């Protein structure tokens, strides 16, 4: 009977040790997985930013040089977003804003908009949308070059009245069978330029200088 009890205790100890080791391994794996996911997301964001603002154009840590923007009606955002600021030799170069076109054909269209300090567009990239495949999804840079036409434009080029799709008398092409989607994007990009013009100095203010 005594030997049986010892055996049970040994088995229990082994099982307990196994449980501790297994729990530790699971926790370690989960932590590493979370860290890897976080790093992958960080790299994807940096790659997206560098698509708009080539990394040779700035020398600061752009993912750390940020300010938080609360919900901003002009940009279509419904939650706090980060503004990424590019600088070279401590001089402002550009910002990357998160902008949402709320009125796409299939809902909200989320974009990154890069704007140089002089108010010229560095570029625009759609990062989330639900637009119709083969029609509205041409706003995605992987589907067509349409989104790249914004590069180098500003509120003066084209003029304010021309910041519309051609169907509405503007300068921008729409898609065959899909006007709502490009119309929404053009409107949101123009709004982002107007927001930048009105808030440029605040967007570039050093964190320690903000009240």
Foldseek 3Di string as FASTA:
>chain_A
DVVVVVVVVVVVVVVVVVVVVVVVVVVVVVVVVVVVVVVVVVVVVVVVVCVLVPPVQADDPQVPQWDWDAADVLQPRHGIDIKTWGHHPLHTFKIWDWGWLQFAPQGIWIKIWIATLVLQTSFMATDDDDDDPPFLVCCHVVNHCQRRVSHGAGCVRPPVVQLADVVSVHDGHHTVVGRRNVRSVSSSNNSVSVVCVVCVCVRSDGPVPDD
